Protein backbone atom coordinates (compact mmCIF):
# COMPACT_ATOMS: atom_id res chain seq x y z
CA MET A 1 173.47 144.79 115.48
CA TRP A 2 174.62 141.18 114.01
CA GLY A 3 175.68 141.03 117.27
CA ASP A 4 172.71 141.07 119.54
CA LEU A 5 171.93 138.15 117.32
CA ASP A 6 172.86 133.90 118.43
CA PRO A 7 175.54 133.00 116.23
CA PRO A 8 175.27 130.17 113.18
CA ALA A 9 175.55 126.54 113.16
CA SER A 10 179.76 126.55 112.99
CA GLY A 11 180.38 129.20 115.44
CA GLY A 12 178.35 127.15 118.06
CA VAL A 13 179.86 124.02 117.46
CA ALA A 14 183.95 125.94 117.79
CA ALA A 15 182.68 126.92 120.67
CA GLN A 16 181.84 123.64 122.47
CA ARG A 17 185.09 122.00 121.03
CA GLY A 18 187.21 124.74 122.49
CA GLY A 19 185.46 124.89 125.72
CA VAL A 20 183.42 128.00 125.22
CA GLU A 21 179.91 128.04 125.70
CA PRO A 22 178.42 128.83 122.21
CA TRP A 23 176.21 131.90 123.70
CA HIS A 24 178.95 133.56 124.32
CA VAL A 25 181.17 133.81 120.87
CA GLY A 26 180.62 137.45 119.09
CA CYS A 27 177.71 138.61 120.84
CA GLN A 28 177.68 139.16 125.51
CA PRO A 29 175.72 136.52 127.39
CA ARG A 30 171.87 137.44 127.70
CA PRO A 31 170.40 134.35 129.58
CA ARG A 32 170.72 135.79 133.13
CA ALA A 33 168.60 138.44 131.41
CA ARG A 34 166.07 136.26 130.08
CA CYS A 35 165.76 134.56 133.21
CA ALA A 36 165.19 137.86 134.99
CA ILE A 37 162.32 138.53 132.77
CA LEU A 38 160.21 135.84 133.56
CA LEU A 39 160.74 134.41 137.52
CA PRO A 40 158.95 137.46 138.42
CA MET A 41 156.05 137.50 136.83
CA SER A 42 154.05 135.48 138.54
CA SER A 43 155.22 136.56 142.00
CA THR A 44 153.93 139.97 140.92
CA GLN A 45 151.29 139.35 139.15
CA PRO A 46 148.00 140.44 140.92
CA THR A 47 145.36 138.42 141.94
CA ALA A 48 141.59 139.14 141.43
CA PRO A 49 139.00 139.04 144.41
CA PRO A 50 136.76 136.75 144.02
CA PRO A 51 132.88 137.74 143.35
CA ALA A 52 130.90 138.25 145.93
CA ALA A 53 127.19 136.58 145.41
CA ALA A 54 124.52 138.96 144.79
CA PRO A 55 122.73 140.15 148.11
CA GLY A 56 118.83 139.03 147.74
CA ILE A 57 119.07 136.30 145.78
CA GLU A 58 119.05 132.75 147.52
CA ARG A 59 119.88 128.70 145.73
CA VAL A 60 116.64 126.29 144.29
CA SER A 61 117.33 123.88 146.95
CA THR A 62 117.03 120.24 146.07
CA VAL A 63 113.38 119.14 147.42
CA GLU A 64 112.11 122.02 144.20
CA LEU A 65 115.03 120.70 141.68
CA PHE A 66 113.21 117.47 142.98
CA PHE A 67 109.52 118.36 142.52
CA ASP A 68 110.62 119.54 139.16
CA LEU A 69 111.57 116.25 137.86
CA VAL A 70 108.84 114.98 139.19
CA PHE A 71 106.36 117.17 136.42
CA VAL A 72 108.92 116.53 134.10
CA PHE A 73 107.35 113.16 133.86
CA ALA A 74 104.42 113.93 134.08
CA ILE A 75 104.55 115.80 130.66
CA THR A 76 106.38 112.57 129.18
CA GLN A 77 103.89 110.84 129.93
CA LEU A 78 101.69 113.68 128.93
CA THR A 79 102.50 112.65 125.24
CA SER A 80 101.26 109.12 124.86
CA LEU A 81 98.08 110.73 124.83
CA VAL A 82 98.88 112.27 121.00
CA ALA A 83 101.13 109.97 120.24
CA HIS A 84 98.74 108.68 117.83
CA PRO A 85 95.42 110.63 117.62
CA HIS A 86 92.91 109.68 115.84
CA GLY A 87 91.28 113.14 115.54
CA PRO A 88 91.58 116.38 117.25
CA GLY A 89 89.04 114.65 120.35
CA ASP A 90 93.47 113.45 120.90
CA TYR A 91 94.56 117.21 121.43
CA LEU A 92 91.75 118.19 122.74
CA ARG A 93 91.92 116.04 126.21
CA ALA A 94 95.83 116.49 125.92
CA SER A 95 95.79 120.41 126.40
CA LEU A 96 92.32 119.51 129.54
CA VAL A 97 95.19 117.41 131.42
CA PHE A 98 98.05 120.19 130.35
CA MET A 99 96.52 122.55 131.84
CA THR A 100 94.63 120.46 135.04
CA LEU A 101 99.08 119.95 135.43
CA MET A 102 100.02 123.07 134.68
CA TRP A 103 97.76 124.93 136.12
CA MET A 104 98.88 123.37 139.81
CA TYR A 105 102.51 123.38 139.25
CA GLY A 106 102.57 127.37 138.48
CA GLY A 107 100.34 127.29 142.24
CA TYR A 108 103.30 125.11 143.42
CA THR A 109 105.81 127.46 141.73
CA TRP A 110 104.85 130.60 143.46
CA LEU A 111 104.74 128.66 146.88
CA THR A 112 107.90 127.99 146.87
CA SER A 113 109.03 131.49 145.94
CA ASN A 114 106.49 132.45 149.19
CA LEU A 115 106.71 129.79 151.78
CA ALA A 116 110.91 128.92 152.82
CA ILE A 117 110.86 125.22 152.61
CA GLU A 118 113.54 124.81 154.87
CA ARG A 119 111.84 122.41 158.08
CA PRO A 120 111.41 119.13 158.41
CA TRP A 121 107.83 118.99 158.46
CA GLN A 122 107.15 120.82 155.04
CA ARG A 123 109.69 119.03 153.17
CA GLN A 124 107.61 115.59 154.50
CA ILE A 125 104.43 116.98 153.24
CA LEU A 126 105.83 118.29 150.29
CA PHE A 127 107.58 114.83 149.04
CA MET A 128 103.55 113.64 149.56
CA ALA A 129 102.77 115.74 147.19
CA MET A 130 105.33 114.18 145.52
CA ALA A 131 103.50 111.24 145.63
CA GLY A 132 100.22 113.34 144.81
CA PHE A 133 101.46 114.66 141.11
CA PHE A 134 103.37 111.65 140.26
CA ILE A 135 100.64 109.64 140.81
CA MET A 136 99.28 111.65 137.74
CA ALA A 137 101.63 111.17 136.45
CA LEU A 138 100.89 107.46 136.28
CA SER A 139 97.49 108.06 135.62
CA ILE A 140 97.88 110.47 132.80
CA PRO A 141 97.87 107.09 129.38
CA GLU A 142 94.22 106.45 130.61
CA VAL A 143 93.59 109.16 132.17
CA PHE A 144 89.69 108.99 130.45
CA GLU A 145 89.76 105.45 131.76
CA ALA A 146 90.59 104.01 134.56
CA GLY A 147 93.11 106.29 134.93
CA GLY A 148 90.72 108.45 136.11
CA LEU A 149 90.34 107.96 139.71
CA PRO A 150 93.98 108.07 140.79
CA TYR A 151 94.53 110.75 138.24
CA GLY A 152 91.62 113.37 140.10
CA LEU A 153 92.40 111.43 143.92
CA GLY A 154 96.46 113.06 142.81
CA LEU A 155 95.01 115.86 142.37
CA LEU A 156 92.99 116.78 144.76
CA CYS A 157 95.51 115.29 147.24
CA VAL A 158 97.78 117.80 145.37
CA THR A 159 95.41 120.73 145.77
CA ALA A 160 94.86 120.51 149.74
CA ILE A 161 98.59 120.57 150.36
CA HIS A 162 98.89 123.15 148.66
CA ALA A 163 96.56 125.24 150.28
CA PHE A 164 98.14 124.11 153.65
CA LEU A 165 100.54 124.94 152.94
CA PHE A 166 100.43 128.76 151.21
CA SER A 167 98.04 129.31 154.74
CA THR A 168 101.69 128.97 156.55
CA ALA A 169 102.93 131.77 154.80
CA PRO A 170 104.00 134.75 156.56
CA THR A 171 103.44 136.88 153.05
CA GLY A 172 100.57 138.00 151.96
CA SER A 173 100.21 135.81 149.62
CA ALA A 174 99.05 133.80 152.22
CA ARG A 175 96.29 136.09 152.53
CA ALA A 176 95.40 135.99 148.66
CA ILE A 177 95.95 132.40 148.00
CA ARG A 178 92.07 132.02 150.72
CA GLY A 179 90.78 133.48 147.74
CA ILE A 180 91.54 130.38 145.27
CA ALA A 181 91.52 128.01 147.52
CA GLY A 182 88.56 127.76 146.22
CA TYR A 183 88.76 127.61 142.64
CA ASN A 184 92.10 124.96 142.91
CA VAL A 185 88.96 122.38 144.62
CA ALA A 186 86.17 122.83 142.54
CA ALA A 187 88.97 121.98 140.46
CA ALA A 188 89.83 119.23 141.60
CA LEU A 189 86.23 117.94 142.71
CA LEU A 190 85.54 118.36 139.35
CA VAL A 191 88.07 116.37 137.21
CA LEU A 192 87.33 114.10 140.11
CA ALA A 193 83.80 113.10 139.68
CA ALA A 194 84.29 112.93 135.62
CA ALA A 195 86.25 110.11 136.52
CA PHE A 196 82.62 108.10 137.88
CA VAL A 197 81.25 108.61 133.88
CA ARG A 198 81.28 107.13 131.29
CA PRO A 199 82.34 109.27 128.04
CA PRO A 200 81.24 111.23 126.16
CA TRP A 201 79.78 112.82 129.44
CA ASP A 202 83.01 113.45 130.81
CA TRP A 203 83.74 115.94 128.77
CA PRO A 204 81.54 118.15 130.39
CA LEU A 205 83.04 117.70 133.87
CA TRP A 206 86.89 118.21 132.45
CA THR A 207 85.59 121.18 130.53
CA ALA A 208 84.08 123.11 133.50
CA ALA A 209 87.22 122.28 136.01
CA VAL A 210 88.97 124.07 132.68
CA ALA A 211 87.11 126.78 132.68
CA VAL A 212 86.34 127.63 136.07
CA VAL A 213 91.06 127.40 136.50
CA ILE A 214 90.61 130.23 133.81
CA LEU A 215 87.85 132.03 136.09
CA ALA A 216 90.42 131.46 139.57
CA SER A 217 93.52 133.77 136.63
CA ILE A 218 91.26 136.19 135.99
CA ARG A 219 90.03 136.63 140.06
CA ARG A 220 93.88 136.35 141.09
CA ARG A 221 94.40 139.24 138.41
CA GLU A 222 91.12 141.58 139.60
CA ARG A 223 92.51 140.88 144.03
CA ALA A 224 96.27 142.34 142.58
CA SER A 225 95.01 145.38 140.17
CA ARG A 226 92.85 146.46 142.91
CA SER A 227 95.50 146.44 145.60
CA ALA A 228 98.32 148.34 143.25
CA ARG A 229 95.60 151.09 142.37
CA PRO A 230 95.42 153.25 146.11
CA ILE A 231 99.34 153.19 145.67
CA SER A 232 98.84 154.62 142.19
CA SER A 233 96.32 156.84 142.91
CA SER A 234 98.33 158.19 146.09
CA ALA A 235 101.36 158.72 144.50
CA THR A 236 99.56 160.71 140.73
CA ALA A 237 98.74 162.89 144.25
CA CYS A 238 102.43 163.29 145.19
CA CYS A 239 103.83 164.05 142.45
């Protein structure tokens, strides 16, 4: 039992003076056994294979990330409308502007999910849409005054580019967007017309633009449910 333990310090010093290694006093030499246990670990330990990429998943492109940054900048500009509110009307104005912004941003999210922006001309057109969003963002602090005209023009440009790019999509969403493009253009024209009207008569035009956007969302859901009905009925008949 005690032979397996290391010798005391006095024995070690005496062994060093007599020219004998301290590990050889009162016990069997074990340094080799210790090295034999530690050395093979790095060479015999199996390595796990690298994780395979999940099939059907595509990374977000750099152009799409840049587009998201422009939208985030537009949202930060939107806070200027409610930074020093004078009443509930300021919050309502900010909500109207937010609805038009969020609707078109959702449209471009839907676009990039159905159409791969890989060709140079597609990226150039998408950069033009970013420029339209950037003009809208810069115009938000004075959107109900002098900034109404550039905001309306930017929204109309963004809407037209969205409809054009979606028309080139190879999926069935290209046909679906044709029924919504008219609503988007009508909403953009109402916002543009509000820039030529003095307050408070611009309120009805902004409200009508948001109402058109909501109506377009309802119609899109109705068309989606109608297209799903034949599938569900055939599945019921099969079962």
